[in-house]
Every structure is written in structure tokens, then in C-alpha cells.
Amino acid sequence: VQNNFPWQNQANPLNVNNSSDNPLITAFDVLLVINELNNPQIMNPVTFILPVPSGSVAPPPFLDVTGDNMVTAFDALLVINFLNANP
């Protein structure tokens, strides 16, 4: 089975850092997305598209919360909204 969204955590899309600690979703997950947006290390800085994972450029972090193969502010917003709804 091919994973069409390799940069999205299939177990829990909001768990960007793939943590197994409780709570699974923390501000650190948001920070990983925001850091990539502010200083692109993985995504294309013009198109926001994530590359096909290979070698050392592979998840985690699972930066694609929305499942569109891109990193955008909406990815961070989904995690922020979850954290606000689940203090």
C-alpha cells in the first residue's frame, strides 16, 4: 500500500513530532511547523511543497498535518485549535 501523504502522521496527523509521551499533542508540535515556515529546511520555500522522503530528509517531523503534501499556516492552526480545545 502506497502512502500518498508520507509527511503526514498516519496514526495521528496532529502528532507532528511522533511523540509517544502523554500528552501526544503539545505546543512543540506547533513549534516544529512554525519553525519550518519561518526557516524552510525541508519544504520548497516558494511552493511550500514537501519533497519525496529519502535518506536523511524523511519524517519525523510529520509537518503535513492537513495531508496536502505542503507546509502552510493551516497545518499549525489545526494543532493550535486542538490545544485550545483540549487544555
Protein backbone atom coordinates (compact mmCIF):
# COMPACT_ATOMS: atom_id res chain seq x y z
CA VAL A 1 0.00 0.00 0.00
CA GLN A 2 1.48 3.31 -1.09
CA ASN A 3 1.26 6.24 1.32
CA ASN A 4 0.30 9.28 -0.75
CA PHE A 5 1.00 11.58 2.21
CA PRO A 6 4.34 10.44 3.64
CA TRP A 7 4.83 13.69 5.59
CA GLN A 8 1.55 13.18 7.49
CA ASN A 9 1.49 11.06 10.64
CA GLN A 10 -0.98 8.33 9.73
CA ALA A 11 -1.55 7.39 13.38
CA ASN A 12 -2.44 10.97 14.42
CA PRO A 13 -1.90 13.85 11.97
CA LEU A 14 -1.63 16.38 14.83
CA ASN A 15 1.30 14.49 16.39
CA VAL A 16 3.96 16.26 14.32
CA ASN A 17 6.95 15.01 16.31
CA ASN A 18 5.55 11.45 16.55
CA SER A 19 5.76 11.53 20.34
CA SER A 20 4.64 8.53 22.35
CA ASP A 21 4.53 10.55 25.60
CA ASN A 22 1.32 11.84 27.13
CA PRO A 23 0.04 14.22 26.06
CA LEU A 24 0.74 13.27 22.45
CA ILE A 25 -0.08 16.75 21.13
CA THR A 26 1.82 19.69 22.63
CA ALA A 27 2.99 23.18 21.73
CA PHE A 28 6.20 21.58 20.45
CA ASP A 29 4.20 20.12 17.55
CA VAL A 30 3.08 23.63 16.58
CA LEU A 31 6.61 24.96 17.00
CA LEU A 32 8.01 22.41 14.53
CA VAL A 33 5.58 23.57 11.84
CA ILE A 34 6.15 27.27 12.59
CA ASN A 35 9.93 26.82 12.51
CA GLU A 36 9.72 25.18 9.09
CA LEU A 37 7.54 28.02 7.82
CA ASN A 38 9.95 30.67 9.16
CA ASN A 39 13.15 28.93 8.10
CA PRO A 40 12.49 26.28 5.45
CA GLN A 41 14.83 23.32 5.80
CA ILE A 42 12.71 20.64 4.15
CA MET A 43 9.91 22.23 2.11
CA ASN A 44 10.33 24.21 -1.07
CA PRO A 45 10.35 27.84 0.18
CA VAL A 46 8.43 29.09 -2.86
CA THR A 47 5.76 26.42 -3.34
CA PHE A 48 5.64 25.09 0.27
CA ILE A 49 5.66 21.55 -1.19
CA LEU A 50 7.43 18.81 0.73
CA PRO A 51 9.86 16.57 -1.18
CA VAL A 52 9.56 12.84 -1.60
CA PRO A 53 11.20 11.44 1.55
CA SER A 54 14.63 9.93 1.03
CA GLY A 55 17.74 9.37 3.11
CA SER A 56 18.10 11.94 5.87
CA VAL A 57 15.20 14.03 4.53
CA ALA A 58 12.34 11.96 5.90
CA PRO A 59 9.82 12.22 8.72
CA PRO A 60 9.57 12.74 11.58
CA PRO A 61 8.75 15.53 11.95
CA PHE A 62 5.45 14.93 10.20
CA LEU A 63 4.96 18.51 9.02
CA ASP A 64 1.92 17.88 6.79
CA VAL A 65 -0.97 17.97 9.26
CA THR A 66 -3.62 18.58 6.56
CA GLY A 67 -2.48 15.88 4.14
CA ASP A 68 -1.81 18.08 1.12
CA ASN A 69 1.97 17.45 0.85
CA MET A 70 2.63 21.06 1.82
CA VAL A 71 3.55 23.02 4.95
CA THR A 72 1.29 26.02 5.50
CA ALA A 73 -0.01 28.11 8.38
CA PHE A 74 -3.17 25.96 8.29
CA ASP A 75 -1.08 22.98 9.47
CA ALA A 76 -0.05 24.96 12.55
CA LEU A 77 -3.57 26.31 13.06
CA LEU A 78 -5.09 22.82 13.28
CA VAL A 79 -2.70 21.90 16.09
CA ILE A 80 -3.28 25.23 17.85
CA ASN A 81 -7.06 24.77 17.65
CA PHE A 82 -6.73 21.27 19.14
CA LEU A 83 -4.60 22.57 22.00
CA ASN A 84 -7.05 25.40 22.70
CA ALA A 85 -9.97 22.96 22.76
CA ASN A 86 -8.08 20.47 24.97
CA PRO A 87 -6.19 22.48 27.62
